Amino acid sequence: MTFEDADLKEFQTIYEEEFCEAISAQDASIMASRLVRLYEALTYPLPSEKARFADSIDRGRLGLEVGADHANKTLTSEKVEL
C-alpha cells in the first residue's frame, strides 16, 4: 500500500505527539499499512450481516453507528449514512 508523503508526515507527527517518539518514513508507512488492514478487518461485515450490508450499499441507505471521543479515550455513537 502506498501513501502520499504528506500523509506519512502527518502520521509521523501524530505518532510523535501520542508516543513521544519519532519514527522514520519507512516505519510510518509500515504502521499506516497495518492500521489500514486492521480497519478493513474490523469493518468487514460478519457472515450473518453480509446480505443486509450488500442490500444496503446497493440502495445507499446503510446506517452505521461509529465514532470515538479521542480526548476522553471513549467510544461514542453517532449515525452515519453511507
Protein backbone atom coordinates (compact mmCIF):
# COMPACT_ATOMS: atom_id res chain seq x y z
CA MET A 1 0.00 0.00 0.00
CA THR A 2 1.36 3.42 -0.88
CA PHE A 3 0.72 6.71 0.86
CA GLU A 4 1.32 10.31 -0.11
CA ASP A 5 4.37 11.92 1.51
CA ALA A 6 2.13 14.46 3.23
CA ASP A 7 0.03 11.66 4.74
CA LEU A 8 3.13 9.89 6.08
CA LYS A 9 4.41 13.14 7.58
CA GLU A 10 1.04 13.67 9.26
CA PHE A 11 1.14 10.08 10.60
CA GLN A 12 4.68 10.68 11.92
CA THR A 13 3.57 13.89 13.62
CA ILE A 14 0.56 12.24 15.26
CA TYR A 15 2.66 9.27 16.36
CA GLU A 16 5.29 11.53 17.90
CA GLU A 17 2.64 13.59 19.71
CA GLU A 18 0.96 10.48 21.12
CA PHE A 19 4.01 8.37 21.99
CA CYS A 20 6.80 10.99 22.39
CA GLU A 21 8.93 9.06 19.92
CA ALA A 22 9.91 9.96 16.37
CA ILE A 23 9.62 7.30 13.65
CA SER A 24 11.10 7.11 10.15
CA ALA A 25 9.02 7.46 6.99
CA GLN A 26 9.53 3.74 6.37
CA ASP A 27 8.23 2.84 9.85
CA ALA A 28 5.31 5.24 9.37
CA SER A 29 4.44 3.55 6.07
CA ILE A 30 4.54 0.09 7.66
CA MET A 31 2.45 1.16 10.65
CA ALA A 32 -0.07 3.02 8.49
CA SER A 33 -0.46 -0.04 6.24
CA ARG A 34 -1.07 -2.23 9.28
CA LEU A 35 -3.59 0.26 10.63
CA VAL A 36 -5.49 0.32 7.33
CA ARG A 37 -5.54 -3.51 7.19
CA LEU A 38 -6.82 -3.63 10.79
CA TYR A 39 -9.54 -1.10 9.97
CA GLU A 40 -10.58 -3.13 6.92
CA ALA A 41 -10.77 -6.30 9.02
CA LEU A 42 -12.82 -4.59 11.73
CA THR A 43 -15.26 -3.02 9.30
CA TYR A 44 -15.80 -6.15 7.21
CA PRO A 45 -19.36 -7.38 7.84
CA LEU A 46 -19.97 -10.60 9.77
CA PRO A 47 -21.23 -13.54 7.70
CA SER A 48 -24.71 -13.07 9.18
CA GLU A 49 -24.68 -9.40 8.14
CA LYS A 50 -23.29 -9.72 4.58
CA ALA A 51 -26.67 -9.87 2.83
CA ARG A 52 -28.05 -6.84 4.72
CA PHE A 53 -24.80 -4.97 4.12
CA ALA A 54 -24.83 -5.68 0.36
CA ASP A 55 -28.51 -4.72 0.03
CA SER A 56 -27.98 -1.51 1.99
CA ILE A 57 -24.95 -0.50 -0.06
CA ASP A 58 -26.87 -1.13 -3.29
CA ARG A 59 -29.62 1.18 -2.07
CA GLY A 60 -27.23 3.69 -0.50
CA ARG A 61 -29.01 3.53 2.85
CA LEU A 62 -26.64 1.80 5.23
CA GLY A 63 -26.65 3.44 8.65
CA LEU A 64 -23.68 2.61 10.82
CA GLU A 65 -23.03 3.52 14.43
CA VAL A 66 -19.46 4.86 14.61
CA GLY A 67 -17.35 7.36 16.45
CA ALA A 68 -14.81 7.94 19.14
CA ASP A 69 -14.14 10.66 21.65
CA HIS A 70 -10.33 10.79 21.39
CA ALA A 71 -9.96 13.42 24.10
CA ASN A 72 -11.64 11.18 26.68
CA LYS A 73 -10.46 7.91 25.06
CA THR A 74 -14.02 6.57 24.98
CA LEU A 75 -16.20 5.33 22.18
CA THR A 76 -19.23 7.37 21.24
CA SER A 77 -22.11 6.67 18.93
CA GLU A 78 -23.33 8.72 16.01
CA LYS A 79 -25.37 7.80 12.98
CA VAL A 80 -23.56 7.83 9.61
CA GLU A 81 -25.37 7.30 6.33
CA LEU A 82 -23.35 5.76 3.50
